């Protein structure tokens, strides 16, 4: 009923996004990527290499999982990481590069 990522190192965490897209609240270690993805509205972050805190978070999640709004978890995930948003971000990057063209007639 929830997803746990206990990695020591994760640069982005696509599995976290996949879990959120499946409406699952997430417990993740503070290992790089999850900090920029998981919010208190959709999960819990725990320190690295702290199995006791991870276990406590898992128990807490088991006891409070019904307090998470699964529809909102999915909706926020799609809003941030869905295809349309990613396409907009890529187009904005391309537009920025094109507008700084190296073929300008500047000395």
Foldseek 3Di string as FASTA:
>chain_A
DAEEAQDQADQACVVCLVRLLVLHAYEYEVHHHVVVPHDPLRYYYHHHPDVVVVVVRVVVCVVCVVVHDSVVSNVVSCVCPNPVNVVVVVVVVVVVDVVVDPPDPDD
